[in-house]
PDB file of N, CA and C in Angstrom:
ATOM      1  N   MET A   1     -25.281  42.642 -18.108  1.00  0.00           N
ATOM      2  CA  MET A   1     -24.063  43.514 -18.247  1.00  0.00           C
ATOM      3  C   MET A   1     -22.972  42.951 -17.321  1.00  0.00           C
ATOM      4  N   LEU A   2     -23.192  42.506 -16.320  1.00  0.00           N
ATOM      5  CA  LEU A   2     -22.291  41.792 -15.263  1.00  0.00           C
ATOM      6  C   LEU A   2     -21.559  40.623 -16.006  1.00  0.00           C
ATOM      7  N   LYS A   3     -22.332  39.836 -16.701  1.00  0.00           N
ATOM      8  CA  LYS A   3     -21.812  38.674 -17.407  1.00  0.00           C
ATOM      9  C   LYS A   3     -20.865  39.111 -18.564  1.00  0.00           C
ATOM     10  N   ILE A   4     -21.314  40.160 -19.300  1.00  0.00           N
ATOM     11  CA  ILE A   4     -20.300  40.755 -20.366  1.00  0.00           C
ATOM     12  C   ILE A   4     -19.086  41.240 -19.652  1.00  0.00           C
ATOM     13  N   THR A   5     -19.202  41.929 -18.513  1.00  0.00           N
ATOM     14  CA  THR A   5     -18.014  42.523 -17.945  1.00  0.00           C
ATOM     15  C   THR A   5     -17.139  41.402 -17.384  1.00  0.00           C
ATOM     16  N   SER A   6     -17.560  40.325 -16.798  1.00  0.00           N
ATOM     17  CA  SER A   6     -16.820  39.134 -16.379  1.00  0.00           C
ATOM     18  C   SER A   6     -16.074  38.462 -17.472  1.00  0.00           C
ATOM     19  N   ILE A   7     -16.794  38.361 -18.612  1.00  0.00           N
ATOM     20  CA  ILE A   7     -16.231  37.479 -19.821  1.00  0.00           C
ATOM     21  C   ILE A   7     -14.963  38.464 -20.304  1.00  0.00           C
ATOM     22  N   LEU A   8     -15.298  39.807 -20.348  1.00  0.00           N
ATOM     23  CA  LEU A   8     -14.136  40.521 -20.764  1.00  0.00           C
ATOM     24  C   LEU A   8     -13.048  40.591 -19.881  1.00  0.00           C
ATOM     25  N   PHE A   9     -13.175  40.676 -18.609  1.00  0.00           N
ATOM     26  CA  PHE A   9     -12.077  40.508 -17.677  1.00  0.00           C
ATOM     27  C   PHE A   9     -11.444  39.309 -17.654  1.00  0.00           C
ATOM     28  N   VAL A  10     -12.092  38.096 -17.802  1.00  0.00           N
ATOM     29  CA  VAL A  10     -11.379  36.759 -17.895  1.00  0.00           C
ATOM     30  C   VAL A  10     -10.398  36.933 -19.310  1.00  0.00           C
ATOM     31  N   ALA A  11     -11.070  37.354 -20.316  1.00  0.00           N
ATOM     32  CA  ALA A  11     -10.363  37.300 -21.615  1.00  0.00           C
ATOM     33  C   ALA A  11      -8.930  38.179 -21.532  1.00  0.00           C
ATOM     34  N   CYS A  12      -9.174  39.446 -20.830  1.00  0.00           N
ATOM     35  CA  CYS A  12      -7.964  40.030 -20.499  1.00  0.00           C
ATOM     36  C   CYS A  12      -6.875  39.426 -19.750  1.00  0.00           C
ATOM     37  N   LEU A  13      -7.512  38.825 -18.816  1.00  0.00           N
ATOM     38  CA  LEU A  13      -6.417  37.782 -18.003  1.00  0.00           C
ATOM     39  C   LEU A  13      -5.631  36.834 -18.867  1.00  0.00           C
ATOM     40  N   LEU A  14      -6.391  36.230 -19.787  1.00  0.00           N
ATOM     41  CA  LEU A  14      -5.929  35.159 -20.512  1.00  0.00           C
ATOM     42  C   LEU A  14      -4.939  35.822 -21.569  1.00  0.00           C
ATOM     43  N   VAL A  15      -5.055  36.815 -22.078  1.00  0.00           N
ATOM     44  CA  VAL A  15      -4.155  37.565 -23.036  1.00  0.00           C
ATOM     45  C   VAL A  15      -2.853  37.785 -22.211  1.00  0.00           C
ATOM     46  N   ASN A  16      -2.930  38.402 -21.028  1.00  0.00           N
ATOM     47  CA  ASN A  16      -1.777  38.662 -20.301  1.00  0.00           C
ATOM     48  C   ASN A  16      -1.023  37.470 -19.979  1.00  0.00           C
ATOM     49  N   VAL A  17      -1.576  36.309 -19.677  1.00  0.00           N
ATOM     50  CA  VAL A  17      -0.793  34.985 -19.511  1.00  0.00           C
ATOM     51  C   VAL A  17      -0.266  34.349 -20.712  1.00  0.00           C
ATOM     52  N   SER A  18      -1.002  34.596 -21.875  1.00  0.00           N
ATOM     53  CA  SER A  18      -0.542  34.032 -23.244  1.00  0.00           C
ATOM     54  C   SER A  18       0.686  34.973 -23.832  1.00  0.00           C
ATOM     55  N   ALA A  19       0.584  36.123 -23.227  1.00  0.00           N
ATOM     56  CA  ALA A  19       1.673  37.051 -23.754  1.00  0.00           C
ATOM     57  C   ALA A  19       3.047  36.708 -23.136  1.00  0.00           C
ATOM     58  N   GLN A  20       3.355  35.791 -22.476  1.00  0.00           N
ATOM     59  CA  GLN A  20       4.465  35.470 -21.871  1.00  0.00           C
ATOM     60  C   GLN A  20       5.182  34.144 -22.443  1.00  0.00           C
ATOM     61  N   ALA A  21       6.516  34.307 -22.660  1.00  0.00           N
ATOM     62  CA  ALA A  21       7.223  33.197 -23.351  1.00  0.00           C
ATOM     63  C   ALA A  21       7.171  32.062 -22.411  1.00  0.00           C
ATOM     64  N   PRO A  22       7.058  30.759 -23.059  1.00  0.00           N
ATOM     65  CA  PRO A  22       7.033  29.530 -22.351  1.00  0.00           C
ATOM     66  C   PRO A  22       8.546  29.243 -21.724  1.00  0.00           C
ATOM     67  N   GLU A  23       8.694  28.333 -20.685  1.00  0.00           N
ATOM     68  CA  GLU A  23      10.070  27.931 -20.270  1.00  0.00           C
ATOM     69  C   GLU A  23      10.958  27.591 -21.443  1.00  0.00           C
ATOM     70  N   TRP A  24      12.214  28.152 -21.519  1.00  0.00           N
ATOM     71  CA  TRP A  24      13.108  28.111 -22.438  1.00  0.00           C
ATOM     72  C   TRP A  24      12.833  28.807 -23.724  1.00  0.00           C
ATOM     73  N   GLY A  25      11.775  29.497 -23.773  1.00  0.00           N
ATOM     74  CA  GLY A  25      11.257  30.100 -24.997  1.00  0.00           C
ATOM     75  C   GLY A  25      11.981  31.342 -25.445  1.00  0.00           C
ATOM     76  N   GLN A  26      11.817  31.772 -26.538  1.00  0.00           N
ATOM     77  CA  GLN A  26      12.502  33.002 -27.078  1.00  0.00           C
ATOM     78  C   GLN A  26      11.572  34.305 -26.559  1.00  0.00           C
ATOM     79  N   CYS A  27      12.268  35.255 -26.168  1.00  0.00           N
ATOM     80  CA  CYS A  27      11.345  36.455 -25.505  1.00  0.00           C
ATOM     81  C   CYS A  27      11.940  37.668 -26.057  1.00  0.00           C
ATOM     82  N   GLY A  28      12.701  37.861 -27.105  1.00  0.00           N
ATOM     83  CA  GLY A  28      13.128  38.968 -27.629  1.00  0.00           C
ATOM     84  C   GLY A  28      14.312  38.691 -28.661  1.00  0.00           C
ATOM     85  N   GLY A  29      14.723  39.865 -28.967  1.00  0.00           N
ATOM     86  CA  GLY A  29      15.700  40.018 -30.067  1.00  0.00           C
ATOM     87  C   GLY A  29      15.408  40.810 -31.278  1.00  0.00           C
ATOM     88  N   PHE A  30      16.391  41.137 -32.146  1.00  0.00           N
ATOM     89  CA  PHE A  30      16.007  41.939 -33.377  1.00  0.00           C
ATOM     90  C   PHE A  30      15.019  41.308 -34.200  1.00  0.00           C
ATOM     91  N   GLY A  31      13.866  42.035 -34.526  1.00  0.00           N
ATOM     92  CA  GLY A  31      12.773  41.580 -35.587  1.00  0.00           C
ATOM     93  C   GLY A  31      11.754  40.733 -34.695  1.00  0.00           C
ATOM     94  N   TRP A  32      12.058  40.290 -33.441  1.00  0.00           N
ATOM     95  CA  TRP A  32      11.001  39.342 -32.790  1.00  0.00           C
ATOM     96  C   TRP A  32       9.809  40.188 -32.563  1.00  0.00           C
ATOM     97  N   THR A  33       8.599  39.500 -32.919  1.00  0.00           N
ATOM     98  CA  THR A  33       7.410  40.070 -32.626  1.00  0.00           C
ATOM     99  C   THR A  33       6.560  39.294 -31.548  1.00  0.00           C
ATOM    100  N   GLY A  34       7.205  38.383 -30.996  1.00  0.00           N
ATOM    101  CA  GLY A  34       6.459  37.511 -30.080  1.00  0.00           C
ATOM    102  C   GLY A  34       6.505  37.989 -28.747  1.00  0.00           C
ATOM    103  N   PRO A  35       6.248  37.257 -27.648  1.00  0.00           N
ATOM    104  CA  PRO A  35       6.315  37.900 -26.271  1.00  0.00           C
ATOM    105  C   PRO A  35       7.439  38.104 -25.813  1.00  0.00           C
ATOM    106  N   LEU A  36       7.708  39.268 -25.057  1.00  0.00           N
ATOM    107  CA  LEU A  36       8.847  39.956 -24.346  1.00  0.00           C
ATOM    108  C   LEU A  36       9.128  39.651 -22.905  1.00  0.00           C
ATOM    109  N   THR A  37       8.260  38.792 -22.474  1.00  0.00           N
ATOM    110  CA  THR A  37       8.440  38.405 -20.859  1.00  0.00           C
ATOM    111  C   THR A  37       8.194  37.163 -20.691  1.00  0.00           C
ATOM    112  N   CYS A  38       8.974  36.671 -19.752  1.00  0.00           N
ATOM    113  CA  CYS A  38       9.010  35.166 -19.167  1.00  0.00           C
ATOM    114  C   CYS A  38       7.997  34.884 -18.022  1.00  0.00           C
ATOM    115  N   LEU A  39       7.826  33.491 -17.796  1.00  0.00           N
ATOM    116  CA  LEU A  39       6.934  33.303 -16.728  1.00  0.00           C
ATOM    117  C   LEU A  39       7.611  33.571 -15.355  1.00  0.00           C
ATOM    118  N   PRO A  40       6.867  33.548 -14.170  1.00  0.00           N
ATOM    119  CA  PRO A  40       7.564  33.981 -12.993  1.00  0.00           C
ATOM    120  C   PRO A  40       8.763  32.973 -12.667  1.00  0.00           C
ATOM    121  N   GLY A  41       9.890  33.363 -12.272  1.00  0.00           N
ATOM    122  CA  GLY A  41      10.961  32.414 -11.985  1.00  0.00           C
ATOM    123  C   GLY A  41      11.980  32.207 -13.122  1.00  0.00           C
ATOM    124  N   TRP A  42      11.503  32.885 -14.277  1.00  0.00           N
ATOM    125  CA  TRP A  42      12.411  32.896 -15.481  1.00  0.00           C
ATOM    126  C   TRP A  42      12.931  34.215 -15.964  1.00  0.00           C
ATOM    127  N   ASP A  43      14.097  34.494 -16.310  1.00  0.00           N
ATOM    128  CA  ASP A  43      14.508  35.677 -16.902  1.00  0.00           C
ATOM    129  C   ASP A  43      14.828  35.631 -18.294  1.00  0.00           C
ATOM    130  N   CYS A  44      14.580  36.745 -18.809  1.00  0.00           N
ATOM    131  CA  CYS A  44      14.782  36.999 -20.208  1.00  0.00           C
ATOM    132  C   CYS A  44      16.138  37.246 -20.502  1.00  0.00           C
ATOM    133  N   THR A  45      16.899  36.432 -21.015  1.00  0.00           N
ATOM    134  CA  THR A  45      18.548  36.584 -20.988  1.00  0.00           C
ATOM    135  C   THR A  45      19.003  36.731 -22.501  1.00  0.00           C
ATOM    136  N   TYR A  46      19.846  37.715 -22.489  1.00  0.00           N
ATOM    137  CA  TYR A  46      20.648  38.035 -23.791  1.00  0.00           C
ATOM    138  C   TYR A  46      21.347  36.944 -24.312  1.00  0.00           C
ATOM    139  N   VAL A  47      21.038  36.253 -25.445  1.00  0.00           N
ATOM    140  CA  VAL A  47      21.849  35.253 -26.055  1.00  0.00           C
ATOM    141  C   VAL A  47      22.725  36.069 -27.294  1.00  0.00           C
ATOM    142  N   ASN A  48      22.034  36.606 -28.197  1.00  0.00           N
ATOM    143  CA  ASN A  48      22.896  37.580 -29.221  1.00  0.00           C
ATOM    144  C   ASN A  48      21.759  38.513 -29.473  1.00  0.00           C
ATOM    145  N   ASP A  49      22.019  39.424 -30.733  1.00  0.00           N
ATOM    146  CA  ASP A  49      21.341  40.531 -30.976  1.00  0.00           C
ATOM    147  C   ASP A  49      19.746  40.103 -31.555  1.00  0.00           C
ATOM    148  N   TYR A  50      19.923  38.666 -31.983  1.00  0.00           N
ATOM    149  CA  TYR A  50      18.500  38.204 -32.483  1.00  0.00           C
ATOM    150  C   TYR A  50      17.933  37.395 -31.637  1.00  0.00           C
ATOM    151  N   HIS A  51      18.443  36.959 -30.423  1.00  0.00           N
ATOM    152  CA  HIS A  51      17.665  36.098 -29.780  1.00  0.00           C
ATOM    153  C   HIS A  51      17.910  36.250 -28.328  1.00  0.00           C
ATOM    154  N   TYR A  52      16.986  36.433 -27.577  1.00  0.00           N
ATOM    155  CA  TYR A  52      16.775  36.433 -26.096  1.00  0.00           C
ATOM    156  C   TYR A  52      15.952  35.378 -25.517  1.00  0.00           C
ATOM    157  N   GLN A  53      16.482  34.685 -24.565  1.00  0.00           N
ATOM    158  CA  GLN A  53      15.642  33.324 -24.082  1.00  0.00           C
ATOM    159  C   GLN A  53      15.529  33.269 -22.666  1.00  0.00           C
ATOM    160  N   CYS A  54      14.272  32.700 -22.397  1.00  0.00           N
ATOM    161  CA  CYS A  54      13.809  32.515 -21.045  1.00  0.00           C
ATOM    162  C   CYS A  54      14.527  31.319 -20.472  1.00  0.00           C
ATOM    163  N   LEU A  55      15.301  31.869 -19.334  1.00  0.00           N
ATOM    164  CA  LEU A  55      16.161  30.840 -18.512  1.00  0.00           C
ATOM    165  C   LEU A  55      15.959  30.859 -17.234  1.00  0.00           C
ATOM    166  N   PRO A  56      16.006  29.802 -16.470  1.00  0.00           N
ATOM    167  CA  PRO A  56      15.686  29.846 -15.015  1.00  0.00           C
ATOM    168  C   PRO A  56      16.308  30.918 -14.144  1.00  0.00           C
ATOM    169  N   HIS A  57      15.541  31.620 -13.398  1.00  0.00           N
ATOM    170  CA  HIS A  57      16.167  32.473 -12.435  1.00  0.00           C
ATOM    171  C   HIS A  57      17.057  31.985 -11.415  1.00  0.00           C
ATOM    172  N   THR A  58      18.370  32.544 -11.540  1.00  0.00           N
ATOM    173  CA  THR A  58      19.481  31.974 -10.606  1.00  0.00           C
ATOM    174  C   THR A  58      19.593  33.089  -9.587  1.00  0.00           C
ATOM    175  N   THR A  59      20.059  32.715  -8.345  1.00  0.00           N
ATOM    176  CA  THR A  59      20.267  33.646  -7.390  1.00  0.00           C
ATOM    177  C   THR A  59      21.693  33.499  -6.837  1.00  0.00           C
ATOM    178  N   THR A  60      22.631  33.125  -7.920  1.00  0.00           N
ATOM    179  CA  THR A  60      24.154  33.199  -7.577  1.00  0.00           C
ATOM    180  C   THR A  60      24.819  34.469  -7.625  1.00  0.00           C
ATOM    181  N   THR A  61      25.651  34.751  -6.820  1.00  0.00           N
ATOM    182  CA  THR A  61      26.347  36.068  -6.866  1.00  0.00           C
ATOM    183  C   THR A  61      27.862  35.919  -7.351  1.00  0.00           C
ATOM    184  N   THR A  62      28.272  36.861  -8.319  1.00  0.00           N
ATOM    185  CA  THR A  62      29.564  36.755  -8.919  1.00  0.00           C
ATOM    186  C   THR A  62      30.389  37.770  -8.339  1.00  0.00           C
ATOM    187  N   THR A  63      31.462  37.513  -7.852  1.00  0.00           N
ATOM    188  CA  THR A  63      32.438  38.405  -7.334  1.00  0.00           C
ATOM    189  C   THR A  63      33.478  38.947  -8.456  1.00  0.00           C
ATOM    190  N   THR A  64      33.761  40.025  -8.751  1.00  0.00           N
ATOM    191  CA  THR A  64      34.844  40.310  -9.737  1.00  0.00           C
ATOM    192  C   THR A  64      35.917  41.161  -8.928  1.00  0.00           C
ATOM    193  N   THR A  65      37.237  40.792  -9.158  1.00  0.00           N
ATOM    194  CA  THR A  65      38.162  41.408  -8.588  1.00  0.00           C
ATOM    195  C   THR A  65      39.288  41.932  -9.910  1.00  0.00           C
ATOM    196  N   ALA A  66      39.280  43.113  -9.776  1.00  0.00           N
ATOM    197  CA  ALA A  66      40.279  43.959 -10.780  1.00  0.00           C
ATOM    198  C   ALA A  66      41.803  43.784 -10.274  1.00  0.00           C
ATOM    199  N   THR A  67      42.327  43.486 -11.451  1.00  0.00           N
ATOM    200  CA  THR A  67      43.897  43.234 -11.297  1.00  0.00           C
ATOM    201  C   THR A  67      44.562  43.735 -12.214  1.00  0.00           C
ATOM    202  N   GLY A  68      45.842  44.128 -11.822  1.00  0.00           N
ATOM    203  CA  GLY A  68      46.875  44.935 -12.615  1.00  0.00           C
ATOM    204  C   GLY A  68      46.669  46.444 -12.589  1.00  0.00           C
ATOM    205  N   GLY A  69      47.544  47.122 -13.247  1.00  0.00           N
ATOM    206  CA  GLY A  69      47.463  48.605 -13.350  1.00  0.00           C
ATOM    207  C   GLY A  69      48.133  49.251 -12.175  1.00  0.00           C
ATOM    208  N   SER A  70      48.243  50.433 -12.157  1.00  0.00           N
ATOM    209  CA  SER A  70      48.857  51.273 -11.032  1.00  0.00           C
ATOM    210  C   SER A  70      47.790  52.161 -10.296  1.00  0.00           C
ATOM    211  N   ALA A  71      48.307  52.219  -8.929  1.00  0.00           N
ATOM    212  CA  ALA A  71      47.297  53.270  -8.424  1.00  0.00           C
ATOM    213  C   ALA A  71      47.755  54.611  -8.459  1.00  0.00           C
ATOM    214  N   THR A  72      48.842  55.053  -9.017  1.00  0.00           N
ATOM    215  CA  THR A  72      49.372  56.382  -9.265  1.00  0.00           C
ATOM    216  C   THR A  72      49.361  56.370 -10.644  1.00  0.00           C
ATOM    217  N   PRO A  73      48.957  57.655 -11.362  1.00  0.00           N
ATOM    218  CA  PRO A  73      49.029  57.915 -12.690  1.00  0.00           C
ATOM    219  C   PRO A  73      50.591  58.012 -13.382  1.00  0.00           C
ATOM    220  N   ALA A  74      50.795  57.459 -14.303  1.00  0.00           N
ATOM    221  CA  ALA A  74      52.257  57.618 -14.821  1.00  0.00           C
ATOM    222  C   ALA A  74      52.523  58.761 -15.428  1.00  0.00           C
TER     223      ALA A  74
END
């Protein structure tokens, strides 16, 4: 019984690993039926409605500054 349980446990682990998209692979989009997650260190990034792609995780920070307009209502 222990042997069967061990085999099932390993099989479940393999399914979880194989359910991740590879580096640079597709991970979503309209009609996509494949994996929806990426490997650790990779992010599932929107490309268009039909394609999300695994791209390397970046830690860059973007600063946005609003310009124009008026502080008081017209």
